[in-house]
PDB file of N, CA and C in Angstrom:
ATOM      1  N   MET A   1      48.691 111.299  81.358  1.00  0.00           N
ATOM      2  CA  MET A   1      48.775 111.604  82.800  1.00  0.00           C
ATOM      3  C   MET A   1      47.475 111.176  83.473  1.00  0.00           C
ATOM      4  N   ALA A   2      47.498 110.785  84.574  1.00  0.00           N
ATOM      5  CA  ALA A   2      46.270 110.190  85.368  1.00  0.00           C
ATOM      6  C   ALA A   2      45.209 111.504  85.477  1.00  0.00           C
ATOM      7  N   LEU A   3      45.699 112.670  85.740  1.00  0.00           N
ATOM      8  CA  LEU A   3      44.608 113.651  85.885  1.00  0.00           C
ATOM      9  C   LEU A   3      43.785 113.919  84.461  1.00  0.00           C
ATOM     10  N   ASP A   4      44.485 113.786  83.390  1.00  0.00           N
ATOM     11  CA  ASP A   4      43.877 113.947  82.183  1.00  0.00           C
ATOM     12  C   ASP A   4      42.746 112.690  81.826  1.00  0.00           C
ATOM     13  N   ILE A   5      43.051 111.609  82.314  1.00  0.00           N
ATOM     14  CA  ILE A   5      41.913 110.509  82.169  1.00  0.00           C
ATOM     15  C   ILE A   5      40.851 110.974  83.243  1.00  0.00           C
ATOM     16  N   PHE A   6      41.114 111.462  84.584  1.00  0.00           N
ATOM     17  CA  PHE A   6      40.195 111.636  85.334  1.00  0.00           C
ATOM     18  C   PHE A   6      39.125 112.746  84.852  1.00  0.00           C
ATOM     19  N   ILE A   7      39.809 113.788  84.315  1.00  0.00           N
ATOM     20  CA  ILE A   7      39.084 114.932  83.658  1.00  0.00           C
ATOM     21  C   ILE A   7      38.234 114.384  82.600  1.00  0.00           C
ATOM     22  N   GLU A   8      38.879 113.544  81.560  1.00  0.00           N
ATOM     23  CA  GLU A   8      38.054 112.992  80.615  1.00  0.00           C
ATOM     24  C   GLU A   8      36.741 112.389  80.989  1.00  0.00           C
ATOM     25  N   PHE A   9      36.996 111.623  82.025  1.00  0.00           N
ATOM     26  CA  PHE A   9      35.920 110.808  82.524  1.00  0.00           C
ATOM     27  C   PHE A   9      35.130 111.410  83.573  1.00  0.00           C
ATOM     28  N   ASN A  10      35.296 112.810  83.737  1.00  0.00           N
ATOM     29  CA  ASN A  10      34.662 113.475  84.659  1.00  0.00           C
ATOM     30  C   ASN A  10      34.558 113.049  86.179  1.00  0.00           C
ATOM     31  N   ASP A  11      35.862 112.306  86.428  1.00  0.00           N
ATOM     32  CA  ASP A  11      35.949 111.765  87.720  1.00  0.00           C
ATOM     33  C   ASP A  11      36.561 112.771  88.697  1.00  0.00           C
ATOM     34  N   ARG A  12      35.588 113.653  89.183  1.00  0.00           N
ATOM     35  CA  ARG A  12      35.962 114.697  90.104  1.00  0.00           C
ATOM     36  C   ARG A  12      36.668 114.267  91.398  1.00  0.00           C
ATOM     37  N   TYR A  13      36.267 113.256  91.842  1.00  0.00           N
ATOM     38  CA  TYR A  13      36.768 112.747  93.204  1.00  0.00           C
ATOM     39  C   TYR A  13      38.238 112.622  93.078  1.00  0.00           C
ATOM     40  N   ASN A  14      38.620 111.690  92.173  1.00  0.00           N
ATOM     41  CA  ASN A  14      39.958 111.306  91.998  1.00  0.00           C
ATOM     42  C   ASN A  14      40.885 112.627  91.390  1.00  0.00           C
ATOM     43  N   GLN A  15      40.343 113.380  90.798  1.00  0.00           N
ATOM     44  CA  GLN A  15      40.871 114.686  90.424  1.00  0.00           C
ATOM     45  C   GLN A  15      41.302 115.384  91.630  1.00  0.00           C
ATOM     46  N   ALA A  16      40.573 115.403  92.691  1.00  0.00           N
ATOM     47  CA  ALA A  16      40.883 116.067  93.943  1.00  0.00           C
ATOM     48  C   ALA A  16      42.250 115.583  94.533  1.00  0.00           C
ATOM     49  N   SER A  17      42.209 114.261  94.552  1.00  0.00           N
ATOM     50  CA  SER A  17      43.530 113.473  95.193  1.00  0.00           C
ATOM     51  C   SER A  17      44.730 113.892  94.378  1.00  0.00           C
ATOM     52  N   THR A  18      44.462 113.968  93.069  1.00  0.00           N
ATOM     53  CA  THR A  18      45.798 114.203  92.195  1.00  0.00           C
ATOM     54  C   THR A  18      46.057 115.576  92.278  1.00  0.00           C
ATOM     55  N   TYR A  19      45.260 116.564  92.377  1.00  0.00           N
ATOM     56  CA  TYR A  19      45.564 117.913  92.391  1.00  0.00           C
ATOM     57  C   TYR A  19      46.382 118.062  93.854  1.00  0.00           C
ATOM     58  N   HIS A  20      45.768 117.347  94.885  1.00  0.00           N
ATOM     59  CA  HIS A  20      46.642 117.600  96.095  1.00  0.00           C
ATOM     60  C   HIS A  20      48.039 117.002  96.016  1.00  0.00           C
ATOM     61  N   GLN A  21      48.226 115.899  95.390  1.00  0.00           N
ATOM     62  CA  GLN A  21      49.515 115.329  94.993  1.00  0.00           C
ATOM     63  C   GLN A  21      50.468 116.396  94.338  1.00  0.00           C
ATOM     64  N   LEU A  22      49.821 116.907  93.257  1.00  0.00           N
ATOM     65  CA  LEU A  22      50.477 117.892  92.350  1.00  0.00           C
ATOM     66  C   LEU A  22      50.960 118.946  93.251  1.00  0.00           C
ATOM     67  N   GLY A  23      49.983 119.440  94.081  1.00  0.00           N
ATOM     68  CA  GLY A  23      50.229 120.479  94.945  1.00  0.00           C
ATOM     69  C   GLY A  23      51.559 120.329  95.959  1.00  0.00           C
ATOM     70  N   ILE A  24      51.578 119.182  96.466  1.00  0.00           N
ATOM     71  CA  ILE A  24      52.726 118.762  97.312  1.00  0.00           C
ATOM     72  C   ILE A  24      53.977 118.647  96.329  1.00  0.00           C
ATOM     73  N   VAL A  25      54.027 118.115  95.232  1.00  0.00           N
ATOM     74  CA  VAL A  25      55.238 118.394  94.376  1.00  0.00           C
ATOM     75  C   VAL A  25      55.577 119.628  94.177  1.00  0.00           C
ATOM     76  N   ALA A  26      54.552 120.493  93.802  1.00  0.00           N
ATOM     77  CA  ALA A  26      55.027 121.969  93.495  1.00  0.00           C
ATOM     78  C   ALA A  26      55.560 122.687  94.609  1.00  0.00           C
ATOM     79  N   GLN A  27      55.036 122.235  96.008  1.00  0.00           N
ATOM     80  CA  GLN A  27      55.531 122.927  97.099  1.00  0.00           C
ATOM     81  C   GLN A  27      56.857 122.436  97.161  1.00  0.00           C
ATOM     82  N   ALA A  28      57.239 121.324  97.091  1.00  0.00           N
ATOM     83  CA  ALA A  28      58.662 120.633  97.280  1.00  0.00           C
ATOM     84  C   ALA A  28      59.662 121.408  96.366  1.00  0.00           C
ATOM     85  N   LEU A  29      59.099 121.676  95.130  1.00  0.00           N
ATOM     86  CA  LEU A  29      59.916 122.435  94.215  1.00  0.00           C
ATOM     87  C   LEU A  29      59.987 123.939  94.318  1.00  0.00           C
ATOM     88  N   ARG A  30      59.299 124.386  95.373  1.00  0.00           N
ATOM     89  CA  ARG A  30      59.095 125.804  95.706  1.00  0.00           C
ATOM     90  C   ARG A  30      58.449 126.554  94.535  1.00  0.00           C
ATOM     91  N   GLU A  31      57.526 125.842  93.808  1.00  0.00           N
ATOM     92  CA  GLU A  31      56.720 126.604  93.023  1.00  0.00           C
ATOM     93  C   GLU A  31      55.218 126.968  93.842  1.00  0.00           C
ATOM     94  N   TYR A  32      55.453 127.934  94.593  1.00  0.00           N
ATOM     95  CA  TYR A  32      54.394 128.061  95.531  1.00  0.00           C
ATOM     96  C   TYR A  32      53.011 128.457  94.887  1.00  0.00           C
ATOM     97  N   GLU A  33      52.991 129.345  93.945  1.00  0.00           N
ATOM     98  CA  GLU A  33      51.813 129.609  93.133  1.00  0.00           C
ATOM     99  C   GLU A  33      51.063 128.570  92.676  1.00  0.00           C
ATOM    100  N   GLN A  34      51.854 127.595  92.087  1.00  0.00           N
ATOM    101  CA  GLN A  34      51.251 126.448  91.378  1.00  0.00           C
ATOM    102  C   GLN A  34      50.779 125.480  92.605  1.00  0.00           C
ATOM    103  N   ALA A  35      51.466 125.403  93.669  1.00  0.00           N
ATOM    104  CA  ALA A  35      50.885 124.514  94.730  1.00  0.00           C
ATOM    105  C   ALA A  35      49.547 125.230  95.444  1.00  0.00           C
ATOM    106  N   GLN A  36      49.555 126.411  95.585  1.00  0.00           N
ATOM    107  CA  GLN A  36      48.305 127.171  96.107  1.00  0.00           C
ATOM    108  C   GLN A  36      47.124 126.824  94.863  1.00  0.00           C
ATOM    109  N   ALA A  37      47.412 126.859  93.752  1.00  0.00           N
ATOM    110  CA  ALA A  37      46.421 126.591  92.691  1.00  0.00           C
ATOM    111  C   ALA A  37      45.943 125.040  92.797  1.00  0.00           C
ATOM    112  N   HIS A  38      46.806 124.307  92.894  1.00  0.00           N
ATOM    113  CA  HIS A  38      46.564 122.902  92.920  1.00  0.00           C
ATOM    114  C   HIS A  38      45.829 122.437  94.211  1.00  0.00           C
ATOM    115  N   TYR A  39      46.086 122.964  95.324  1.00  0.00           N
ATOM    116  CA  TYR A  39      45.630 122.817  96.568  1.00  0.00           C
ATOM    117  C   TYR A  39      44.229 123.458  96.673  1.00  0.00           C
ATOM    118  N   LYS A  40      44.041 124.432  96.039  1.00  0.00           N
ATOM    119  CA  LYS A  40      42.671 125.056  95.890  1.00  0.00           C
ATOM    120  C   LYS A  40      41.716 124.231  95.065  1.00  0.00           C
ATOM    121  N   GLN A  41      42.225 123.708  94.034  1.00  0.00           N
ATOM    122  CA  GLN A  41      41.200 122.801  93.207  1.00  0.00           C
ATOM    123  C   GLN A  41      41.061 121.610  93.909  1.00  0.00           C
ATOM    124  N   SER A  42      41.801 120.901  94.756  1.00  0.00           N
ATOM    125  CA  SER A  42      41.508 119.778  95.464  1.00  0.00           C
ATOM    126  C   SER A  42      40.415 120.294  96.618  1.00  0.00           C
ATOM    127  N   LEU A  43      40.770 121.283  97.353  1.00  0.00           N
ATOM    128  CA  LEU A  43      40.040 121.550  98.396  1.00  0.00           C
ATOM    129  C   LEU A  43      38.504 121.852  97.974  1.00  0.00           C
ATOM    130  N   GLU A  44      38.410 122.610  96.713  1.00  0.00           N
ATOM    131  CA  GLU A  44      36.988 122.980  96.333  1.00  0.00           C
ATOM    132  C   GLU A  44      36.325 121.628  95.895  1.00  0.00           C
ATOM    133  N   ILE A  45      36.990 120.569  95.257  1.00  0.00           N
ATOM    134  CA  ILE A  45      36.113 119.333  95.073  1.00  0.00           C
ATOM    135  C   ILE A  45      35.865 118.589  96.338  1.00  0.00           C
ATOM    136  N   TYR A  46      36.800 118.565  97.316  1.00  0.00           N
ATOM    137  CA  TYR A  46      36.487 117.819  98.660  1.00  0.00           C
ATOM    138  C   TYR A  46      35.218 118.532  99.283  1.00  0.00           C
ATOM    139  N   VAL A  47      35.167 119.789  99.179  1.00  0.00           N
ATOM    140  CA  VAL A  47      34.117 120.779  99.847  1.00  0.00           C
ATOM    141  C   VAL A  47      32.859 120.174  99.096  1.00  0.00           C
ATOM    142  N   GLU A  48      32.925 120.221  97.834  1.00  0.00           N
ATOM    143  CA  GLU A  48      31.822 119.849  96.931  1.00  0.00           C
ATOM    144  C   GLU A  48      31.155 118.462  97.241  1.00  0.00           C
ATOM    145  N   TYR A  49      32.202 117.623  97.635  1.00  0.00           N
ATOM    146  CA  TYR A  49      31.656 116.219  97.997  1.00  0.00           C
ATOM    147  C   TYR A  49      31.327 116.076  99.591  1.00  0.00           C
ATOM    148  N   GLY A  50      31.613 117.031 100.300  1.00  0.00           N
ATOM    149  CA  GLY A  50      31.523 116.991 101.674  1.00  0.00           C
ATOM    150  C   GLY A  50      32.346 116.051 102.406  1.00  0.00           C
ATOM    151  N   ASP A  51      33.743 115.935 101.802  1.00  0.00           N
ATOM    152  CA  ASP A  51      34.718 114.979 102.337  1.00  0.00           C
ATOM    153  C   ASP A  51      35.484 115.714 103.502  1.00  0.00           C
ATOM    154  N   GLU A  52      35.112 115.802 104.601  1.00  0.00           N
ATOM    155  CA  GLU A  52      35.690 116.572 105.650  1.00  0.00           C
ATOM    156  C   GLU A  52      37.130 115.929 105.833  1.00  0.00           C
ATOM    157  N   HIS A  53      37.305 114.611 105.780  1.00  0.00           N
ATOM    158  CA  HIS A  53      38.628 114.045 106.191  1.00  0.00           C
ATOM    159  C   HIS A  53      39.627 114.544 105.255  1.00  0.00           C
ATOM    160  N   ASN A  54      39.475 114.235 103.823  1.00  0.00           N
ATOM    161  CA  ASN A  54      40.432 114.661 102.919  1.00  0.00           C
ATOM    162  C   ASN A  54      40.593 116.135 102.935  1.00  0.00           C
ATOM    163  N   GLY A  55      39.529 117.037 103.099  1.00  0.00           N
ATOM    164  CA  GLY A  55      39.428 118.311 103.122  1.00  0.00           C
ATOM    165  C   GLY A  55      40.439 118.873 104.214  1.00  0.00           C
ATOM    166  N   ALA A  56      40.520 118.228 105.275  1.00  0.00           N
ATOM    167  CA  ALA A  56      41.302 118.545 106.497  1.00  0.00           C
ATOM    168  C   ALA A  56      42.834 118.185 106.112  1.00  0.00           C
ATOM    169  N   ILE A  57      43.056 117.228 105.129  1.00  0.00           N
ATOM    170  CA  ILE A  57      44.337 116.917 104.794  1.00  0.00           C
ATOM    171  C   ILE A  57      44.995 117.967 104.068  1.00  0.00           C
ATOM    172  N   VAL A  58      44.120 118.465 103.020  1.00  0.00           N
ATOM    173  CA  VAL A  58      44.509 119.564 102.202  1.00  0.00           C
ATOM    174  C   VAL A  58      44.581 120.803 102.907  1.00  0.00           C
ATOM    175  N   MET A  59      44.002 120.912 103.849  1.00  0.00           N
ATOM    176  CA  MET A  59      43.982 122.138 104.768  1.00  0.00           C
ATOM    177  C   MET A  59      45.434 122.204 105.619  1.00  0.00           C
ATOM    178  N   ARG A  60      45.766 121.112 105.872  1.00  0.00           N
ATOM    179  CA  ARG A  60      47.165 120.940 106.668  1.00  0.00           C
ATOM    180  C   ARG A  60      48.409 121.379 105.608  1.00  0.00           C
ATOM    181  N   SER A  61      48.040 120.825 104.271  1.00  0.00           N
ATOM    182  CA  SER A  61      48.897 121.277 103.289  1.00  0.00           C
ATOM    183  C   SER A  61      48.987 122.728 102.976  1.00  0.00           C
ATOM    184  N   PHE A  62      47.904 123.314 103.006  1.00  0.00           N
ATOM    185  CA  PHE A  62      47.520 124.735 102.945  1.00  0.00           C
ATOM    186  C   PHE A  62      48.382 125.489 104.155  1.00  0.00           C
ATOM    187  N   ALA A  63      48.181 124.913 105.289  1.00  0.00           N
ATOM    188  CA  ALA A  63      48.893 125.622 106.307  1.00  0.00           C
ATOM    189  C   ALA A  63      50.296 125.444 106.375  1.00  0.00           C
ATOM    190  N   ARG A  64      50.838 124.418 105.936  1.00  0.00           N
ATOM    191  CA  ARG A  64      52.337 124.269 105.683  1.00  0.00           C
ATOM    192  C   ARG A  64      52.804 125.377 104.714  1.00  0.00           C
ATOM    193  N   LEU A  65      52.027 125.490 103.608  1.00  0.00           N
ATOM    194  CA  LEU A  65      52.290 126.534 102.644  1.00  0.00           C
ATOM    195  C   LEU A  65      52.429 127.705 103.116  1.00  0.00           C
ATOM    196  N   TYR A  66      51.466 128.249 103.930  1.00  0.00           N
ATOM    197  CA  TYR A  66      51.250 129.511 104.619  1.00  0.00           C
ATOM    198  C   TYR A  66      52.424 129.673 105.557  1.00  0.00           C
ATOM    199  N   GLN A  67      52.690 128.680 106.209  1.00  0.00           N
ATOM    200  CA  GLN A  67      53.856 128.842 107.236  1.00  0.00           C
ATOM    201  C   GLN A  67      55.175 129.197 106.510  1.00  0.00           C
ATOM    202  N   THR A  68      55.285 128.567 105.417  1.00  0.00           N
ATOM    203  CA  THR A  68      56.390 128.718 104.599  1.00  0.00           C
ATOM    204  C   THR A  68      56.432 130.177 103.896  1.00  0.00           C
ATOM    205  N   THR A  69      55.487 130.658 103.241  1.00  0.00           N
ATOM    206  CA  THR A  69      55.298 131.835 102.515  1.00  0.00           C
ATOM    207  C   THR A  69      54.777 132.896 103.254  1.00  0.00           C
ATOM    208  N   GLN A  70      53.986 132.843 104.104  1.00  0.00           N
ATOM    209  CA  GLN A  70      53.169 133.798 104.878  1.00  0.00           C
ATOM    210  C   GLN A  70      52.494 134.837 103.912  1.00  0.00           C
ATOM    211  N   ASP A  71      52.017 134.227 102.883  1.00  0.00           N
ATOM    212  CA  ASP A  71      51.257 134.826 101.711  1.00  0.00           C
ATOM    213  C   ASP A  71      49.870 135.008 102.281  1.00  0.00           C
ATOM    214  N   ASP A  72      49.292 136.037 102.468  1.00  0.00           N
ATOM    215  CA  ASP A  72      48.037 136.331 102.858  1.00  0.00           C
ATOM    216  C   ASP A  72      46.863 135.998 101.952  1.00  0.00           C
ATOM    217  N   THR A  73      47.374 135.852 100.674  1.00  0.00           N
ATOM    218  CA  THR A  73      46.345 135.408  99.632  1.00  0.00           C
ATOM    219  C   THR A  73      45.870 134.196  99.834  1.00  0.00           C
ATOM    220  N   LEU A  74      46.641 133.120 100.659  1.00  0.00           N
ATOM    221  CA  LEU A  74      46.292 131.830 100.805  1.00  0.00           C
ATOM    222  C   LEU A  74      45.033 131.778 101.765  1.00  0.00           C
ATOM    223  N   LEU A  75      45.059 132.914 102.847  1.00  0.00           N
ATOM    224  CA  LEU A  75      43.960 132.923 103.684  1.00  0.00           C
ATOM    225  C   LEU A  75      42.647 133.217 102.935  1.00  0.00           C
ATOM    226  N   THR A  76      42.712 134.117 101.968  1.00  0.00           N
ATOM    227  CA  THR A  76      41.487 134.658 101.149  1.00  0.00           C
ATOM    228  C   THR A  76      40.999 133.445 100.307  1.00  0.00           C
ATOM    229  N   THR A  77      42.029 132.796  99.728  1.00  0.00           N
ATOM    230  CA  THR A  77      41.707 131.448  98.913  1.00  0.00           C
ATOM    231  C   THR A  77      40.890 130.496  99.564  1.00  0.00           C
ATOM    232  N   VAL A  78      41.403 130.117 100.533  1.00  0.00           N
ATOM    233  CA  VAL A  78      40.945 129.048 101.540  1.00  0.00           C
ATOM    234  C   VAL A  78      39.493 129.470 102.069  1.00  0.00           C
ATOM    235  N   ALA A  79      39.344 130.886 102.453  1.00  0.00           N
ATOM    236  CA  ALA A  79      38.302 131.239 103.011  1.00  0.00           C
ATOM    237  C   ALA A  79      37.141 131.399 101.912  1.00  0.00           C
ATOM    238  N   GLN A  80      37.415 131.589 100.711  1.00  0.00           N
ATOM    239  CA  GLN A  80      36.441 131.547  99.611  1.00  0.00           C
ATOM    240  C   GLN A  80      35.917 129.971  99.570  1.00  0.00           C
ATOM    241  N   CYS A  81      36.835 129.168  99.559  1.00  0.00           N
ATOM    242  CA  CYS A  81      36.423 127.780  99.356  1.00  0.00           C
ATOM    243  C   CYS A  81      35.538 127.116 100.448  1.00  0.00           C
ATOM    244  N   LEU A  82      35.905 127.720 101.660  1.00  0.00           N
ATOM    245  CA  LEU A  82      35.066 127.308 102.879  1.00  0.00           C
ATOM    246  C   LEU A  82      33.963 128.114 103.221  1.00  0.00           C
ATOM    247  N   GLY A  83      33.809 129.310 102.538  1.00  0.00           N
ATOM    248  CA  GLY A  83      32.722 130.204 102.957  1.00  0.00           C
ATOM    249  C   GLY A  83      32.816 130.739 104.322  1.00  0.00           C
ATOM    250  N   THR A  84      34.165 131.178 104.637  1.00  0.00           N
ATOM    251  CA  THR A  84      34.438 131.497 105.895  1.00  0.00           C
ATOM    252  C   THR A  84      35.231 132.891 105.750  1.00  0.00           C
ATOM    253  N   THR A  85      35.844 133.313 106.786  1.00  0.00           N
ATOM    254  CA  THR A  85      36.572 134.513 106.772  1.00  0.00           C
ATOM    255  C   THR A  85      38.093 134.324 106.756  1.00  0.00           C
ATOM    256  N   PRO A  86      39.054 135.066 106.205  1.00  0.00           N
ATOM    257  CA  PRO A  86      40.379 134.855 106.285  1.00  0.00           C
ATOM    258  C   PRO A  86      40.972 134.760 107.824  1.00  0.00           C
ATOM    259  N   ALA A  87      40.369 135.541 108.717  1.00  0.00           N
ATOM    260  CA  ALA A  87      40.908 135.362 110.108  1.00  0.00           C
ATOM    261  C   ALA A  87      40.504 134.051 110.550  1.00  0.00           C
ATOM    262  N   GLN A  88      39.358 133.506 110.301  1.00  0.00           N
ATOM    263  CA  GLN A  88      38.898 132.151 110.843  1.00  0.00           C
ATOM    264  C   GLN A  88      39.977 131.106 109.996  1.00  0.00           C
ATOM    265  N   VAL A  89      40.328 131.158 108.866  1.00  0.00           N
ATOM    266  CA  VAL A  89      41.237 130.354 108.234  1.00  0.00           C
ATOM    267  C   VAL A  89      42.620 130.387 108.952  1.00  0.00           C
ATOM    268  N   GLN A  90      43.156 131.728 109.168  1.00  0.00           N
ATOM    269  CA  GLN A  90      44.356 131.753 110.061  1.00  0.00           C
ATOM    270  C   GLN A  90      44.298 131.110 111.271  1.00  0.00           C
ATOM    271  N   GLN A  91      43.295 131.142 112.044  1.00  0.00           N
ATOM    272  CA  GLN A  91      43.067 130.501 113.171  1.00  0.00           C
ATOM    273  C   GLN A  91      43.254 128.864 112.973  1.00  0.00           C
ATOM    274  N   ARG A  92      42.593 128.388 111.974  1.00  0.00           N
ATOM    275  CA  ARG A  92      42.663 126.992 111.772  1.00  0.00           C
ATOM    276  C   ARG A  92      44.069 126.592 111.419  1.00  0.00           C
ATOM    277  N   PHE A  93      44.745 127.393 110.666  1.00  0.00           N
ATOM    278  CA  PHE A  93      46.179 127.062 110.301  1.00  0.00           C
ATOM    279  C   PHE A  93      47.142 127.315 111.498  1.00  0.00           C
ATOM    280  N   ALA A  94      46.790 128.225 112.410  1.00  0.00           N
ATOM    281  CA  ALA A  94      47.573 128.127 113.637  1.00  0.00           C
ATOM    282  C   ALA A  94      47.354 126.763 114.414  1.00  0.00           C
ATOM    283  N   ALA A  95      46.127 126.312 114.468  1.00  0.00           N
ATOM    284  CA  ALA A  95      45.820 125.094 115.261  1.00  0.00           C
ATOM    285  C   ALA A  95      46.420 123.767 114.606  1.00  0.00           C
ATOM    286  N   ALA A  96      46.402 123.923 113.288  1.00  0.00           N
ATOM    287  CA  ALA A  96      47.017 122.799 112.477  1.00  0.00           C
ATOM    288  C   ALA A  96      48.560 122.744 112.815  1.00  0.00           C
ATOM    289  N   SER A  97      49.027 123.853 113.000  1.00  0.00           N
ATOM    290  CA  SER A  97      50.587 123.947 113.131  1.00  0.00           C
ATOM    291  C   SER A  97      51.137 123.693 114.458  1.00  0.00           C
ATOM    292  N   ALA A  98      50.115 123.623 115.385  1.00  0.00           N
ATOM    293  CA  ALA A  98      50.415 123.496 116.930  1.00  0.00           C
ATOM    294  C   ALA A  98      50.874 122.138 117.273  1.00  0.00           C
TER     295      ALA A  98
END
């Protein structure tokens, strides 16, 4: 699997893209906890690299997942990644859904 190769060669940036895609697949399969875990890994890496563009794309995926599940642990997970509060994340999700 591509992810295994990226991990073997410590290619963190491409890992982020792969984790995001795995999250999309998991969400489509209604495996919401797995989707959350993959999105989190992706977002953490994009934050590490300062990639705001791709980070925003993952945030939109998180927002769609939150809209589907209304699981407040998503807010805490994203807040920890971004160094912000769950309330601020919820506002960003609302803006992304508008």
